[in-house]
C-alpha cells in the first residue's frame, strides 16, 4: 500500500507556543514516519494582515528552524516556505474564481479577525481560497486540523468537488486528520480559550524559545480555579485541568498519576514542579534550535524542501490549467 500524502503549515506571525508544539508539531513528527509529508511555513497567509518586513523574515526562518528542532527530518518530510513555491499563489487565484462571496463571508476566522475594523483587506477575505490551493496542490489525502480550521477544510473539499464536477476529475478530496495523541492547550490566563501566539498578553502563552526564568514566572502567574485540589475536571476546573494537561504532555505521565502525586499539596507545589517539567521538556528543542540557526543550515533545508514541493505542485497546476482551458506556454527549441 502506498503512503498517504499529508500537508500542514504554520504561520510565521507571532512566536510559536507550547500549544503549537503539543497540538501540532509533535504530531507532525509522528506522521513523517508513516506518510508522505509536506510541512510549510505559510508566509503568504501571514501577510493577509500587516507585517513588519524584518520581523517577517526573522520569524519565518525561526519557524522553519523550530520545525527541525522539534524533530522533523528533511530526509523524511519536505520543509519549505509557501512563497518559495509560486504554484501556491497561482492556484490560489484560480480557487478564488471558483469561490462564492457568501461562503467566504461565513468563515468564522474572517468574522473574528475583521470584527470592529473599518477597513478589511481583500487578502483576509479570500484567505480560505489560498488555503484550499495549498492543500489541493499536493493531492493531499490527510490534513491535520484543529477545531478552528475544520470550516476551511470543508470549503476546500467543496471547491475540489466543484472543480472536479465542472472540469473533470482532477483533485483528490482531502480528509481531516484527527491526532490519536495530543491535547488542546489553553491560555494561561483563561482556561476556556486556546493558547494563541497572536495574543497581546505574552503572559497567556509559553513561547517555545522562552528562557527558563520566563517560563517559571508565567506558570507561577497562571490563573487557577477556586479551591486547591489538583483534579482534572475541564468543565468545572478549566484552569487547573489545562495545567495538568501541560504537565502530562511534557512529562509523559498520565493525568491520574499527576492527580495522585499532588493529592493534598495544593497549587503552589504543583505549579513549581510544572515549571521545571516544562523547562526540561523544552531544553533539548531550544538547544537544537540554536544549533540550526548558528549553522546556517536552514537555507539549504528550505531550498531542498521547495524543490521537492515544486515538483509535485507544478504537475498539479499544469493539469488544472489544462482542464480549465488555458493555453500551454510555448517552449522554444534550442539550437
Protein backbone atom coordinates (compact mmCIF):
# COMPACT_ATOMS: atom_id res chain seq x y z
CA UNK A 1 0.00 0.00 0.00
CA UNK A 2 1.41 3.39 -0.98
CA UNK A 3 1.82 6.09 1.65
CA UNK A 4 -0.86 8.71 2.09
CA UNK A 5 0.03 12.36 1.44
CA UNK A 6 -0.11 14.75 4.42
CA UNK A 7 0.16 18.54 4.32
CA UNK A 8 0.06 21.18 7.03
CA UNK A 9 1.56 24.57 7.80
CA UNK A 10 2.07 27.19 10.49
CA UNK A 11 2.04 30.95 10.07
CA UNK A 12 5.23 32.91 10.90
CA UNK A 13 3.26 35.58 12.73
CA UNK A 14 3.99 35.69 16.44
CA UNK A 15 6.13 33.31 18.49
CA UNK A 16 5.37 29.60 18.31
CA UNK A 17 3.97 28.39 21.60
CA UNK A 18 3.86 25.27 23.69
CA UNK A 19 0.33 24.86 22.33
CA UNK A 20 1.67 24.77 18.75
CA UNK A 21 4.24 22.18 19.78
CA UNK A 22 1.90 19.86 21.68
CA UNK A 23 -1.15 20.33 19.47
CA UNK A 24 0.54 20.24 16.07
CA UNK A 25 4.30 19.80 15.81
CA UNK A 26 4.57 16.63 17.91
CA UNK A 27 2.01 15.05 15.61
CA UNK A 28 3.92 16.26 12.53
CA UNK A 29 6.96 14.39 13.82
CA UNK A 30 4.98 11.17 14.24
CA UNK A 31 3.33 11.47 10.83
CA UNK A 32 6.60 11.86 8.90
CA UNK A 33 7.46 8.22 9.55
CA UNK A 34 4.07 6.91 8.42
CA UNK A 35 3.16 9.07 5.42
CA UNK A 36 4.50 11.28 2.60
CA UNK A 37 4.62 14.64 4.37
CA UNK A 38 4.84 18.29 3.31
CA UNK A 39 5.14 20.92 6.03
CA UNK A 40 5.33 24.60 5.16
CA UNK A 41 5.75 27.98 6.75
CA UNK A 42 2.71 29.80 5.36
CA UNK A 43 4.18 33.26 4.85
CA UNK A 44 1.68 34.20 2.12
CA UNK A 45 -1.10 33.74 4.66
CA UNK A 46 0.79 35.82 7.21
CA UNK A 47 0.58 38.96 5.04
CA UNK A 48 -3.22 38.93 4.99
CA UNK A 49 -2.69 41.24 7.98
CA UNK A 50 0.11 43.87 8.14
CA UNK A 51 3.60 42.53 8.87
CA UNK A 52 6.86 44.38 9.51
CA UNK A 53 9.28 43.08 6.81
CA UNK A 54 12.32 42.45 9.04
CA UNK A 55 10.17 40.71 11.65
CA UNK A 56 8.51 38.55 8.98
CA UNK A 57 11.91 37.41 7.64
CA UNK A 58 13.22 36.61 11.11
CA UNK A 59 10.11 34.80 12.25
CA UNK A 60 9.85 32.81 9.01
CA UNK A 61 13.34 31.41 9.49
CA UNK A 62 12.66 30.85 13.18
CA UNK A 63 9.54 28.77 12.49
CA UNK A 64 11.39 26.67 9.90
CA UNK A 65 14.22 26.06 12.37
CA UNK A 66 11.72 25.12 15.09
CA UNK A 67 10.19 22.55 12.74
CA UNK A 68 13.57 20.83 12.55
CA UNK A 69 14.35 21.36 16.23
CA UNK A 70 11.05 19.72 17.14
CA UNK A 71 12.09 16.59 15.26
CA UNK A 72 11.05 17.00 11.64
CA UNK A 73 13.66 15.34 9.43
CA UNK A 74 14.27 16.91 5.98
CA UNK A 75 15.13 13.41 4.74
CA UNK A 76 11.59 12.27 5.53
CA UNK A 77 9.46 15.40 5.11
CA UNK A 78 9.57 18.40 2.78
CA UNK A 79 10.01 21.57 4.85
CA UNK A 80 9.57 24.74 2.82
CA UNK A 81 8.36 28.32 2.60
CA UNK A 82 4.97 28.71 0.95
CA UNK A 83 6.23 31.73 -1.02
CA UNK A 84 9.12 29.67 -2.46
CA UNK A 85 6.63 27.58 -4.45
CA UNK A 86 4.93 30.00 -6.85
CA UNK A 87 2.19 27.49 -7.70
CA UNK A 88 0.52 28.35 -4.36
CA UNK A 89 -0.22 31.92 -5.41
CA UNK A 90 -1.30 30.93 -8.92
CA UNK A 91 -3.66 28.14 -7.87
CA UNK A 92 -4.84 30.37 -5.02
CA UNK A 93 -6.14 32.85 -7.62
CA UNK A 94 -7.82 30.09 -9.64
CA UNK A 95 -9.53 28.79 -6.49
CA UNK A 96 -10.71 32.33 -5.75
CA UNK A 97 -12.52 32.40 -9.09
CA UNK A 98 -14.43 29.27 -8.00
CA UNK A 99 -15.29 30.61 -4.55
CA UNK A 100 -18.58 32.33 -3.76
CA UNK A 101 -18.83 35.54 -1.74
CA UNK A 102 -21.40 34.02 0.59
CA UNK A 103 -19.30 31.03 1.59
CA UNK A 104 -16.25 33.24 2.24
CA UNK A 105 -18.34 35.64 4.35
CA UNK A 106 -19.45 32.73 6.52
CA UNK A 107 -15.90 31.81 7.52
CA UNK A 108 -15.63 32.16 11.30
CA UNK A 109 -12.00 33.29 11.24
CA UNK A 110 -12.83 36.09 8.81
CA UNK A 111 -15.62 37.26 11.09
CA UNK A 112 -13.35 37.15 14.15
CA UNK A 113 -10.39 38.95 12.55
CA UNK A 114 -12.49 41.60 10.82
CA UNK A 115 -14.78 42.38 13.73
CA UNK A 116 -14.70 46.06 14.70
CA UNK A 117 -12.37 47.08 11.85
CA UNK A 118 -13.31 49.86 9.44
CA UNK A 119 -11.07 48.63 6.62
CA UNK A 120 -10.69 44.92 5.87
CA UNK A 121 -8.08 43.64 3.42
CA UNK A 122 -9.28 41.55 0.49
CA UNK A 123 -6.49 39.06 1.25
CA UNK A 124 -8.09 38.24 4.60
CA UNK A 125 -11.39 37.64 2.82
CA UNK A 126 -10.01 35.22 0.22
CA UNK A 127 -7.60 33.51 2.66
CA UNK A 128 -9.63 30.25 2.57
CA UNK A 129 -9.28 30.02 -1.23
CA UNK A 130 -5.50 30.15 -0.91
CA UNK A 131 -5.63 27.58 1.88
CA UNK A 132 -7.62 25.32 -0.44
CA UNK A 133 -4.92 25.72 -3.09
CA UNK A 134 -2.23 24.84 -0.54
CA UNK A 135 -3.94 21.54 0.17
CA UNK A 136 -5.07 20.61 -3.33
CA UNK A 137 -1.70 21.26 -4.97
CA UNK A 138 -0.22 18.16 -3.36
CA UNK A 139 -3.05 15.66 -3.94
CA UNK A 140 -3.30 15.69 -0.16
CA UNK A 141 -5.13 12.81 1.49
CA UNK A 142 -4.92 13.90 5.13
CA UNK A 143 -4.87 17.37 6.68
CA UNK A 144 -4.16 17.70 10.42
CA UNK A 145 -6.74 20.22 11.61
CA UNK A 146 -7.82 21.81 14.86
CA UNK A 147 -11.34 22.99 15.57
CA UNK A 148 -10.53 26.45 14.19
CA UNK A 149 -9.61 25.05 10.76
CA UNK A 150 -12.36 22.47 10.19
CA UNK A 151 -14.54 25.02 8.40
CA UNK A 152 -11.72 25.89 6.00
CA UNK A 153 -11.12 22.24 5.19
CA UNK A 154 -14.82 21.78 4.44
CA UNK A 155 -14.60 24.67 1.97
CA UNK A 156 -11.52 23.04 0.42
CA UNK A 157 -13.49 19.83 -0.07
CA UNK A 158 -16.36 21.80 -1.61
CA UNK A 159 -14.05 23.65 -4.02
CA UNK A 160 -12.32 20.42 -5.05
CA UNK A 161 -15.66 18.79 -5.73
CA UNK A 162 -16.88 21.87 -7.62
CA UNK A 163 -13.78 21.87 -9.81
CA UNK A 164 -13.98 18.14 -10.49
CA UNK A 165 -17.66 18.47 -11.46
CA UNK A 166 -17.03 21.36 -13.85
CA UNK A 167 -13.72 20.33 -15.39
CA UNK A 168 -13.30 16.61 -14.80
CA UNK A 169 -11.66 14.56 -12.06
CA UNK A 170 -8.50 16.47 -11.14
CA UNK A 171 -8.25 16.94 -7.38
CA UNK A 172 -8.04 14.43 -4.55
CA UNK A 173 -10.73 15.21 -1.96
CA UNK A 174 -8.80 15.65 1.32
CA UNK A 175 -9.89 14.21 4.65
CA UNK A 176 -9.32 15.70 8.11
CA UNK A 177 -6.72 14.01 10.28
CA UNK A 178 -7.60 13.88 13.95
CA UNK A 179 -4.48 13.08 16.02
CA UNK A 180 -4.53 9.95 18.16
CA UNK A 181 -2.49 11.69 20.82
CA UNK A 182 -2.01 15.26 21.89
CA UNK A 183 -4.05 17.84 23.69
CA UNK A 184 -5.67 21.18 23.11
CA UNK A 185 -3.57 23.52 25.23
CA UNK A 186 -5.42 26.52 26.58
CA UNK A 187 -4.37 30.03 27.58
CA UNK A 188 -2.60 30.54 30.91
CA UNK A 189 -4.94 33.43 31.71
CA UNK A 190 -8.18 31.81 30.53
CA UNK A 191 -8.58 28.05 30.57
CA UNK A 192 -11.58 28.26 28.24
CA UNK A 193 -9.63 29.81 25.34
CA UNK A 194 -6.96 28.23 23.14
CA UNK A 195 -3.34 29.23 23.81
CA UNK A 196 -2.57 31.65 20.96
CA UNK A 197 0.68 33.14 19.69
CA UNK A 198 -1.32 36.15 18.50
CA UNK A 199 -2.50 37.06 21.99
CA UNK A 200 -1.47 40.60 23.02
CA UNK A 201 -0.77 39.25 26.53
CA UNK A 202 2.60 37.46 26.48
CA UNK A 203 1.78 36.00 29.87
CA UNK A 204 -1.05 33.97 28.36
CA UNK A 205 1.27 31.63 26.46
CA UNK A 206 4.60 29.87 26.82
CA UNK A 207 6.75 30.53 23.76
CA UNK A 208 8.99 27.67 22.67
CA UNK A 209 12.01 29.94 22.97
CA UNK A 210 11.14 31.45 26.36
CA UNK A 211 14.00 31.33 28.85
CA UNK A 212 13.68 29.08 31.94
CA UNK A 213 13.05 32.13 34.13
CA UNK A 214 10.35 33.41 31.79
CA UNK A 215 8.66 30.02 31.86
CA UNK A 216 8.79 29.88 35.67
CA UNK A 217 7.29 33.37 36.00
CA UNK A 218 4.49 32.67 33.53
CA UNK A 219 3.48 29.43 35.21
CA UNK A 220 3.70 30.99 38.67
CA UNK A 221 1.26 33.67 37.49
CA UNK A 222 -1.01 31.28 35.57
CA UNK A 223 -4.64 31.55 36.56
CA UNK A 224 -6.04 28.81 38.80
CA UNK A 225 -9.56 27.87 39.86
CA UNK A 226 -11.03 28.35 43.31
CA UNK A 227 -10.05 25.70 45.82
CA UNK A 228 -6.69 23.94 45.97
CA UNK A 229 -7.28 20.38 44.75
CA UNK A 230 -5.28 19.08 41.78
CA UNK A 231 -8.17 17.41 39.95
CA UNK A 232 -8.80 17.13 36.22
CA UNK A 233 -12.28 18.49 35.53
CA UNK A 234 -12.29 20.51 32.32
CA UNK A 235 -15.89 21.63 32.81
CA UNK A 236 -15.72 22.86 36.40
CA UNK A 237 -11.96 23.44 36.87
CA UNK A 238 -10.70 24.53 33.42
CA UNK A 239 -7.60 26.36 34.68
CA UNK A 240 -6.00 23.57 36.70
CA UNK A 241 -7.15 21.00 34.14
CA UNK A 242 -5.23 22.91 31.47
CA UNK A 243 -2.09 23.00 33.62
CA UNK A 244 -2.44 19.28 34.28
CA UNK A 245 -2.68 18.65 30.52
CA UNK A 246 0.55 20.58 30.01
CA UNK A 247 2.22 18.58 32.78
CA UNK A 248 1.06 15.29 31.25
CA UNK A 249 2.20 16.18 27.73
CA UNK A 250 5.63 17.41 28.88
CA UNK A 251 6.32 14.63 31.38
CA UNK A 252 4.71 11.58 29.81
CA UNK A 253 2.74 10.92 32.99
CA UNK A 254 -0.98 10.27 32.94
CA UNK A 255 -3.50 12.68 34.42
CA UNK A 256 -4.32 10.04 37.04
CA UNK A 257 -0.66 9.76 38.07
CA UNK A 258 -0.37 13.54 38.37
CA UNK A 259 -3.55 13.80 40.41
CA UNK A 260 -2.35 11.08 42.80
CA UNK A 261 1.12 12.63 43.15
CA UNK A 262 -0.24 16.02 44.22
CA UNK A 263 -3.14 14.93 46.38
CA UNK A 264 -3.42 17.33 49.29
CA UNK A 265 -0.46 19.50 48.20
CA UNK A 266 -2.24 22.48 46.67
CA UNK A 267 -1.48 24.67 43.67
CA UNK A 268 1.82 26.16 44.82
CA UNK A 269 3.87 22.95 44.87
CA UNK A 270 2.20 21.74 41.68
CA UNK A 271 2.97 24.90 39.70
CA UNK A 272 6.57 24.96 40.91
CA UNK A 273 7.12 21.39 39.69
CA UNK A 274 5.20 22.05 36.46
CA UNK A 275 7.57 24.89 35.61
CA UNK A 276 10.58 22.59 35.91
CA UNK A 277 8.86 19.90 33.82
CA UNK A 278 8.23 22.42 31.01
CA UNK A 279 11.75 23.85 31.24
CA UNK A 280 13.18 20.34 30.99
CA UNK A 281 10.94 19.38 28.08
CA UNK A 282 11.89 22.44 26.03
CA UNK A 283 15.64 22.41 26.78
CA UNK A 284 16.58 19.87 24.03
CA UNK A 285 14.40 21.66 21.48
CA UNK A 286 15.96 25.02 22.31
CA UNK A 287 19.49 23.60 22.11
CA UNK A 288 18.75 22.07 18.70
CA UNK A 289 17.19 25.32 17.51
CA UNK A 290 20.24 27.35 18.47
CA UNK A 291 22.49 24.83 16.72
CA UNK A 292 20.45 25.04 13.49
CA UNK A 293 20.31 28.82 13.46
CA UNK A 294 24.03 29.23 14.13
CA UNK A 295 24.99 26.68 11.47
CA UNK A 296 23.04 28.41 8.70
CA UNK A 297 21.73 25.03 7.54
CA UNK A 298 18.11 26.17 7.40
CA UNK A 299 18.61 27.82 4.00
CA UNK A 300 19.65 24.55 2.37
CA UNK A 301 16.82 22.68 4.10
CA UNK A 302 14.26 25.16 2.77
CA UNK A 303 15.72 25.07 -0.74
CA UNK A 304 15.61 21.28 -0.87
CA UNK A 305 12.09 21.29 0.52
CA UNK A 306 10.89 23.84 -2.02
CA UNK A 307 12.38 21.83 -4.90
CA UNK A 308 10.61 18.69 -3.73
CA UNK A 309 7.35 20.56 -3.21
CA UNK A 310 7.56 22.36 -6.55
CA UNK A 311 8.00 19.10 -8.43
CA UNK A 312 4.60 17.94 -7.16
CA UNK A 313 2.84 21.32 -7.19
CA UNK A 314 3.79 22.23 -10.77
CA UNK A 315 2.40 18.94 -12.09
CA UNK A 316 -0.92 19.58 -10.36
CA UNK A 317 -1.07 23.18 -11.55
CA UNK A 318 -0.40 22.14 -15.14
CA UNK A 319 -3.30 19.65 -15.00
CA UNK A 320 -5.59 22.32 -13.54
CA UNK A 321 -4.74 24.89 -16.20
CA UNK A 322 -5.16 22.36 -18.99
CA UNK A 323 -8.55 21.30 -17.61
CA UNK A 324 -9.69 24.95 -17.38
CA UNK A 325 -8.68 25.70 -20.97
CA UNK A 326 -5.53 27.78 -20.59
CA UNK A 327 -3.06 27.69 -23.46
CA UNK A 328 0.19 25.92 -22.58
CA UNK A 329 3.37 28.05 -22.75
CA UNK A 330 5.34 27.89 -25.98
CA UNK A 331 8.70 26.26 -25.44
CA UNK A 332 11.38 27.46 -27.82
CA UNK A 333 13.59 24.87 -29.40
CA UNK A 334 17.26 25.02 -28.58
CA UNK A 335 19.80 25.47 -31.35
